[in-house]
Structure formats: C-alpha cells, structure tokens
Amino acid sequence: MKIYAFDCDHTLEISSGPVTLELIIELRKQGHVVGICGNWAAVAQCIVGWHNLFSFIGPMEISKALFLNQISRFIGAEEYVMVGNIIGVSGASDDKGAAEQAGWRFIQESSFAAGQR
C-alpha cells in the first residue's frame, strides 16, 4: 500500500487542475490510501461524500511538510507520494518543497494526470 497526498488548488479538477476524481478512485480501488494536503475546505465543500474517498484532510494550522511528516511517522506504508504543484511553474503552492522536506516522493500534477505513479 502507498499513501498519496493530493494538493487541491491547481491540482484537482474541482480547482482548475488536471487530476480527475476518477484517477483518485482508481488508486483507492488498487488498495492505496489517498488524502488531501492542501485546500481541504474546497474539497469538503465541493465533493459530496468526500469522506468516503479521502482518508485524511489537512493541514490544519500546521505546514504541509509537518503534516506529511506526521502521516509518515504514524501510518506505515510502502511509499509516500505527494501530488501537487511546483511553485512558480504550475501553481502557487510549494508542494514539491513540502514533499522534499518531509522525505516524500513528489509527482507534479500534470505528470500524475498523464499517468505517472
């Protein structure tokens, strides 16, 4: 099992991004854990039944790097993957930097939408 954390803004289709909910559902069907590490409020407001799809949402009052760190510290997995933006390239958040700080593998949102896993 892998754990995938998705940014929302400019990553998910509900917020001008290329990653569809169908792609996330497919990860769940494969037995992976998926969650939000970004604008969780938009997810909760836009996706009916969001709690049936995402196992975690955040961060709340902490940095993305610290949030990712806590997940990998307390939840065992084969691999930890952050999907999101590269600041100044594909969005306004430094998801790549947060993943690097937390020791997670990073996939840019457009690469994930194109099939990189």
N, C-alpha and C. Protein backbone atom coordinates (compact mmCIF):
# COMPACT_ATOMS: atom_id res chain seq x y z
N MET A 1 0.83 -1.18 0.00
CA MET A 1 0.00 0.00 0.00
C MET A 1 0.88 1.25 0.00
N LYS A 2 0.50 2.20 -0.83
CA LYS A 2 1.15 3.51 -0.86
C LYS A 2 0.18 4.54 -0.30
N ILE A 3 0.71 5.61 0.20
CA ILE A 3 -0.11 6.73 0.64
C ILE A 3 0.12 7.90 -0.31
N TYR A 4 -0.95 8.40 -0.88
CA TYR A 4 -0.91 9.54 -1.79
C TYR A 4 -1.58 10.73 -1.12
N ALA A 5 -0.89 11.85 -1.07
CA ALA A 5 -1.46 13.11 -0.57
C ALA A 5 -1.58 14.06 -1.75
N PHE A 6 -2.76 14.59 -1.95
CA PHE A 6 -3.02 15.49 -3.08
C PHE A 6 -3.23 16.92 -2.60
N ASP A 7 -2.56 17.83 -3.28
CA ASP A 7 -2.89 19.24 -3.12
C ASP A 7 -4.25 19.43 -3.80
N CYS A 8 -4.91 20.53 -3.57
CA CYS A 8 -6.21 20.77 -4.20
C CYS A 8 -6.09 21.81 -5.32
N ASP A 9 -5.75 23.05 -4.97
CA ASP A 9 -5.74 24.15 -5.94
C ASP A 9 -4.73 23.90 -7.05
N HIS A 10 -5.20 23.98 -8.28
CA HIS A 10 -4.39 23.76 -9.48
C HIS A 10 -3.87 22.33 -9.58
N THR A 11 -4.44 21.42 -8.78
CA THR A 11 -4.08 20.01 -8.86
C THR A 11 -5.33 19.19 -9.18
N LEU A 12 -6.38 19.31 -8.36
CA LEU A 12 -7.61 18.56 -8.59
C LEU A 12 -8.51 19.29 -9.57
N GLU A 13 -9.30 18.51 -10.31
CA GLU A 13 -10.20 19.09 -11.31
C GLU A 13 -11.21 20.06 -10.70
N ILE A 14 -11.54 19.91 -9.43
CA ILE A 14 -12.50 20.80 -8.80
C ILE A 14 -11.92 22.18 -8.57
N SER A 15 -10.61 22.32 -8.77
CA SER A 15 -9.94 23.61 -8.53
C SER A 15 -8.90 23.89 -9.62
N SER A 16 -9.34 23.84 -10.87
CA SER A 16 -8.53 24.19 -12.04
C SER A 16 -7.30 23.32 -12.24
N GLY A 17 -7.37 22.07 -11.84
CA GLY A 17 -6.25 21.16 -12.02
C GLY A 17 -6.58 20.01 -12.94
N PRO A 18 -5.58 19.25 -13.36
CA PRO A 18 -5.78 18.16 -14.30
C PRO A 18 -6.12 16.79 -13.69
N VAL A 19 -6.04 16.66 -12.36
CA VAL A 19 -6.25 15.36 -11.73
C VAL A 19 -7.76 15.16 -11.49
N THR A 20 -8.30 14.14 -12.13
CA THR A 20 -9.73 13.88 -12.01
C THR A 20 -10.01 13.01 -10.79
N LEU A 21 -11.22 13.06 -10.32
CA LEU A 21 -11.63 12.22 -9.21
C LEU A 21 -11.60 10.74 -9.61
N GLU A 22 -11.81 10.45 -10.88
CA GLU A 22 -11.75 9.07 -11.36
C GLU A 22 -10.35 8.49 -11.14
N LEU A 23 -9.30 9.29 -11.34
CA LEU A 23 -7.93 8.82 -11.11
C LEU A 23 -7.70 8.50 -9.64
N ILE A 24 -8.28 9.31 -8.77
CA ILE A 24 -8.13 9.08 -7.33
C ILE A 24 -8.92 7.83 -6.91
N ILE A 25 -10.11 7.68 -7.46
CA ILE A 25 -10.92 6.49 -7.17
C ILE A 25 -10.16 5.23 -7.60
N GLU A 26 -9.47 5.30 -8.71
CA GLU A 26 -8.70 4.14 -9.18
C GLU A 26 -7.60 3.77 -8.18
N LEU A 27 -6.94 4.76 -7.60
CA LEU A 27 -5.93 4.47 -6.58
C LEU A 27 -6.55 3.74 -5.40
N ARG A 28 -7.71 4.19 -4.98
CA ARG A 28 -8.41 3.54 -3.86
C ARG A 28 -8.75 2.09 -4.20
N LYS A 29 -9.22 1.86 -5.43
CA LYS A 29 -9.56 0.51 -5.86
C LYS A 29 -8.33 -0.40 -5.84
N GLN A 30 -7.16 0.18 -6.07
CA GLN A 30 -5.90 -0.58 -6.06
C GLN A 30 -5.39 -0.83 -4.64
N GLY A 31 -6.10 -0.29 -3.65
CA GLY A 31 -5.73 -0.53 -2.26
C GLY A 31 -4.85 0.52 -1.62
N HIS A 32 -4.67 1.64 -2.29
CA HIS A 32 -3.84 2.70 -1.73
C HIS A 32 -4.68 3.64 -0.87
N VAL A 33 -4.02 4.37 0.00
CA VAL A 33 -4.65 5.38 0.84
C VAL A 33 -4.48 6.72 0.15
N VAL A 34 -5.55 7.50 0.07
CA VAL A 34 -5.47 8.83 -0.55
C VAL A 34 -6.01 9.87 0.42
N GLY A 35 -5.40 11.04 0.38
CA GLY A 35 -5.82 12.12 1.25
C GLY A 35 -5.52 13.46 0.64
N ILE A 36 -5.89 14.50 1.37
CA ILE A 36 -5.69 15.88 0.93
C ILE A 36 -4.63 16.55 1.80
N CYS A 37 -3.68 17.17 1.14
CA CYS A 37 -2.68 18.02 1.81
C CYS A 37 -2.70 19.34 1.07
N GLY A 38 -3.70 20.14 1.35
CA GLY A 38 -3.90 21.40 0.64
C GLY A 38 -5.21 22.02 1.08
N ASN A 39 -5.90 22.58 0.14
CA ASN A 39 -7.14 23.30 0.41
C ASN A 39 -8.28 22.30 0.70
N TRP A 40 -8.23 21.72 1.86
CA TRP A 40 -9.20 20.70 2.25
C TRP A 40 -10.62 21.26 2.33
N ALA A 41 -10.75 22.56 2.64
CA ALA A 41 -12.09 23.16 2.74
C ALA A 41 -12.79 23.12 1.39
N ALA A 42 -12.06 23.37 0.31
CA ALA A 42 -12.66 23.31 -1.03
C ALA A 42 -13.13 21.89 -1.34
N VAL A 43 -12.35 20.91 -0.93
CA VAL A 43 -12.74 19.52 -1.15
C VAL A 43 -14.01 19.20 -0.38
N ALA A 44 -14.06 19.58 0.89
CA ALA A 44 -15.22 19.29 1.73
C ALA A 44 -16.47 19.99 1.22
N GLN A 45 -16.31 21.17 0.61
CA GLN A 45 -17.46 21.92 0.12
C GLN A 45 -17.90 21.49 -1.28
N CYS A 46 -16.98 20.99 -2.08
CA CYS A 46 -17.30 20.70 -3.49
C CYS A 46 -17.61 19.24 -3.79
N ILE A 47 -17.12 18.33 -2.97
CA ILE A 47 -17.28 16.91 -3.28
C ILE A 47 -18.24 16.28 -2.27
N VAL A 48 -19.42 15.94 -2.76
CA VAL A 48 -20.40 15.26 -1.91
C VAL A 48 -19.83 13.89 -1.57
N GLY A 49 -19.84 13.54 -0.31
CA GLY A 49 -19.30 12.26 0.12
C GLY A 49 -17.78 12.20 0.12
N TRP A 50 -17.14 13.36 0.26
CA TRP A 50 -15.67 13.42 0.23
C TRP A 50 -15.05 12.46 1.24
N HIS A 51 -15.71 12.26 2.36
CA HIS A 51 -15.18 11.41 3.43
C HIS A 51 -15.15 9.93 3.04
N ASN A 52 -15.88 9.56 2.01
CA ASN A 52 -15.83 8.19 1.51
C ASN A 52 -14.67 7.97 0.54
N LEU A 53 -14.06 9.03 0.09
CA LEU A 53 -12.96 8.96 -0.87
C LEU A 53 -11.61 9.21 -0.21
N PHE A 54 -11.55 10.22 0.64
CA PHE A 54 -10.28 10.62 1.24
C PHE A 54 -10.16 10.14 2.68
N SER A 55 -9.02 9.56 3.00
CA SER A 55 -8.78 9.03 4.34
C SER A 55 -8.30 10.09 5.31
N PHE A 56 -7.75 11.18 4.79
CA PHE A 56 -7.30 12.28 5.65
C PHE A 56 -7.39 13.59 4.88
N ILE A 57 -7.60 14.67 5.64
CA ILE A 57 -7.60 16.01 5.06
C ILE A 57 -6.77 16.91 5.97
N GLY A 58 -6.11 17.84 5.37
CA GLY A 58 -5.30 18.78 6.12
C GLY A 58 -4.45 19.59 5.15
N PRO A 59 -3.54 20.34 5.62
CA PRO A 59 -3.18 20.53 7.02
C PRO A 59 -4.08 21.57 7.68
N MET A 60 -4.13 21.52 8.96
CA MET A 60 -4.90 22.49 9.73
C MET A 60 -3.97 23.12 10.76
N GLU A 61 -3.65 24.38 10.53
CA GLU A 61 -2.83 25.16 11.46
C GLU A 61 -1.38 24.72 11.53
N ILE A 62 -0.92 23.88 10.59
CA ILE A 62 0.50 23.50 10.53
C ILE A 62 0.94 23.52 9.06
N SER A 63 2.23 23.46 8.83
CA SER A 63 2.73 23.47 7.46
C SER A 63 2.44 22.14 6.76
N LYS A 64 2.49 22.17 5.44
CA LYS A 64 2.29 20.94 4.68
C LYS A 64 3.38 19.93 5.00
N ALA A 65 4.62 20.40 5.10
CA ALA A 65 5.73 19.49 5.39
C ALA A 65 5.53 18.78 6.73
N LEU A 66 5.11 19.51 7.75
CA LEU A 66 4.88 18.91 9.06
C LEU A 66 3.70 17.94 9.02
N PHE A 67 2.68 18.29 8.29
CA PHE A 67 1.51 17.41 8.14
C PHE A 67 1.94 16.08 7.49
N LEU A 68 2.69 16.18 6.40
CA LEU A 68 3.17 14.97 5.72
C LEU A 68 4.06 14.15 6.64
N ASN A 69 4.92 14.83 7.38
CA ASN A 69 5.81 14.18 8.33
C ASN A 69 5.02 13.37 9.36
N GLN A 70 3.95 13.94 9.87
CA GLN A 70 3.14 13.25 10.87
C GLN A 70 2.47 12.01 10.28
N ILE A 71 2.01 12.11 9.05
CA ILE A 71 1.37 10.96 8.42
C ILE A 71 2.37 9.82 8.28
N SER A 72 3.55 10.11 7.75
CA SER A 72 4.52 9.04 7.54
C SER A 72 5.10 8.53 8.86
N ARG A 73 5.07 9.33 9.88
CA ARG A 73 5.57 8.89 11.19
C ARG A 73 4.61 7.88 11.84
N PHE A 74 3.32 8.08 11.67
CA PHE A 74 2.34 7.26 12.39
C PHE A 74 1.58 6.25 11.54
N ILE A 75 1.70 6.33 10.21
CA ILE A 75 0.99 5.39 9.34
C ILE A 75 2.02 4.71 8.44
N GLY A 76 2.19 3.42 8.62
CA GLY A 76 3.15 2.67 7.82
C GLY A 76 2.65 2.46 6.40
N ALA A 77 3.56 2.56 5.44
CA ALA A 77 3.23 2.34 4.03
C ALA A 77 4.49 1.95 3.28
N GLU A 78 4.28 1.38 2.13
CA GLU A 78 5.38 1.02 1.23
C GLU A 78 6.07 2.28 0.70
N GLU A 79 5.27 3.31 0.43
CA GLU A 79 5.81 4.55 -0.14
C GLU A 79 4.84 5.69 0.16
N TYR A 80 5.40 6.90 0.23
CA TYR A 80 4.63 8.11 0.48
C TYR A 80 4.83 9.05 -0.71
N VAL A 81 3.71 9.50 -1.29
CA VAL A 81 3.77 10.29 -2.52
C VAL A 81 2.91 11.55 -2.37
N MET A 82 3.50 12.70 -2.65
CA MET A 82 2.77 13.97 -2.68
C MET A 82 2.56 14.35 -4.13
N VAL A 83 1.30 14.66 -4.49
CA VAL A 83 0.96 15.09 -5.84
C VAL A 83 0.50 16.55 -5.75
N GLY A 84 1.17 17.41 -6.49
CA GLY A 84 0.80 18.82 -6.42
C GLY A 84 1.62 19.69 -7.34
N ASN A 85 1.81 20.91 -6.90
CA ASN A 85 2.41 21.96 -7.74
C ASN A 85 3.89 22.19 -7.45
N ILE A 86 4.53 22.73 -8.46
CA ILE A 86 5.87 23.29 -8.31
C ILE A 86 5.68 24.80 -8.33
N ILE A 87 6.04 25.45 -7.24
CA ILE A 87 5.78 26.89 -7.11
C ILE A 87 6.40 27.65 -8.29
N GLY A 88 5.60 28.54 -8.86
CA GLY A 88 6.05 29.36 -9.98
C GLY A 88 6.04 28.65 -11.32
N VAL A 89 5.75 27.35 -11.31
CA VAL A 89 5.71 26.59 -12.55
C VAL A 89 4.27 26.16 -12.86
N SER A 90 3.62 25.56 -11.88
CA SER A 90 2.29 25.04 -12.13
C SER A 90 1.28 25.41 -11.06
N GLY A 91 1.64 26.29 -10.17
CA GLY A 91 0.71 26.71 -9.13
C GLY A 91 1.38 27.62 -8.13
N ALA A 92 0.63 28.03 -7.13
CA ALA A 92 1.13 29.00 -6.16
C ALA A 92 1.65 28.36 -4.89
N SER A 93 1.50 27.04 -4.75
CA SER A 93 1.98 26.40 -3.52
C SER A 93 3.24 25.58 -3.79
N ASP A 94 4.10 25.51 -2.79
CA ASP A 94 5.37 24.78 -2.92
C ASP A 94 5.21 23.34 -2.43
N ASP A 95 4.41 22.58 -3.16
CA ASP A 95 4.16 21.19 -2.78
C ASP A 95 5.42 20.35 -2.96
N LYS A 96 6.19 20.64 -3.98
CA LYS A 96 7.44 19.91 -4.19
C LYS A 96 8.38 20.12 -3.00
N GLY A 97 8.50 21.37 -2.54
CA GLY A 97 9.35 21.67 -1.39
C GLY A 97 8.86 20.99 -0.12
N ALA A 98 7.55 20.97 0.09
CA ALA A 98 6.99 20.31 1.27
C ALA A 98 7.28 18.82 1.23
N ALA A 99 7.12 18.20 0.05
CA ALA A 99 7.41 16.77 -0.09
C ALA A 99 8.87 16.49 0.21
N GLU A 100 9.75 17.31 -0.33
CA GLU A 100 11.19 17.12 -0.10
C GLU A 100 11.53 17.25 1.39
N GLN A 101 10.96 18.25 2.04
CA GLN A 101 11.22 18.45 3.47
C GLN A 101 10.75 17.26 4.31
N ALA A 102 9.65 16.63 3.88
CA ALA A 102 9.08 15.51 4.64
C ALA A 102 9.65 14.15 4.21
N GLY A 103 10.46 14.14 3.16
CA GLY A 103 11.02 12.88 2.69
C GLY A 103 10.05 12.06 1.84
N TRP A 104 9.07 12.72 1.24
CA TRP A 104 8.10 12.06 0.38
C TRP A 104 8.53 12.19 -1.08
N ARG A 105 8.16 11.21 -1.91
CA ARG A 105 8.38 11.34 -3.35
C ARG A 105 7.34 12.34 -3.87
N PHE A 106 7.73 13.14 -4.86
CA PHE A 106 6.84 14.16 -5.41
C PHE A 106 6.52 13.84 -6.86
N ILE A 107 5.24 14.03 -7.22
CA ILE A 107 4.80 13.95 -8.61
C ILE A 107 4.05 15.24 -8.93
N GLN A 108 4.48 15.94 -9.98
CA GLN A 108 3.76 17.14 -10.40
C GLN A 108 2.38 16.74 -10.92
N GLU A 109 1.41 17.59 -10.68
CA GLU A 109 0.01 17.27 -11.00
C GLU A 109 -0.18 16.89 -12.47
N SER A 110 0.47 17.58 -13.40
CA SER A 110 0.31 17.26 -14.81
C SER A 110 0.92 15.89 -15.15
N SER A 111 2.00 15.54 -14.49
CA SER A 111 2.62 14.23 -14.71
C SER A 111 1.74 13.12 -14.16
N PHE A 112 1.11 13.36 -13.01
CA PHE A 112 0.19 12.36 -12.45
C PHE A 112 -0.99 12.17 -13.39
N ALA A 113 -1.56 13.27 -13.88
CA ALA A 113 -2.71 13.18 -14.80
C ALA A 113 -2.33 12.44 -16.08
N ALA A 114 -1.06 12.52 -16.46
CA ALA A 114 -0.58 11.84 -17.67
C ALA A 114 -0.21 10.38 -17.42
N GLY A 115 -0.30 9.92 -16.17
CA GLY A 115 -0.10 8.51 -15.89
C GLY A 115 1.05 8.15 -14.98
N GLN A 116 1.89 9.13 -14.57
CA GLN A 116 2.99 8.80 -13.68
C GLN A 116 2.44 8.41 -12.30
N ARG A 117 2.96 7.34 -11.75
CA ARG A 117 2.55 6.91 -10.43
C ARG A 117 3.78 6.61 -9.60
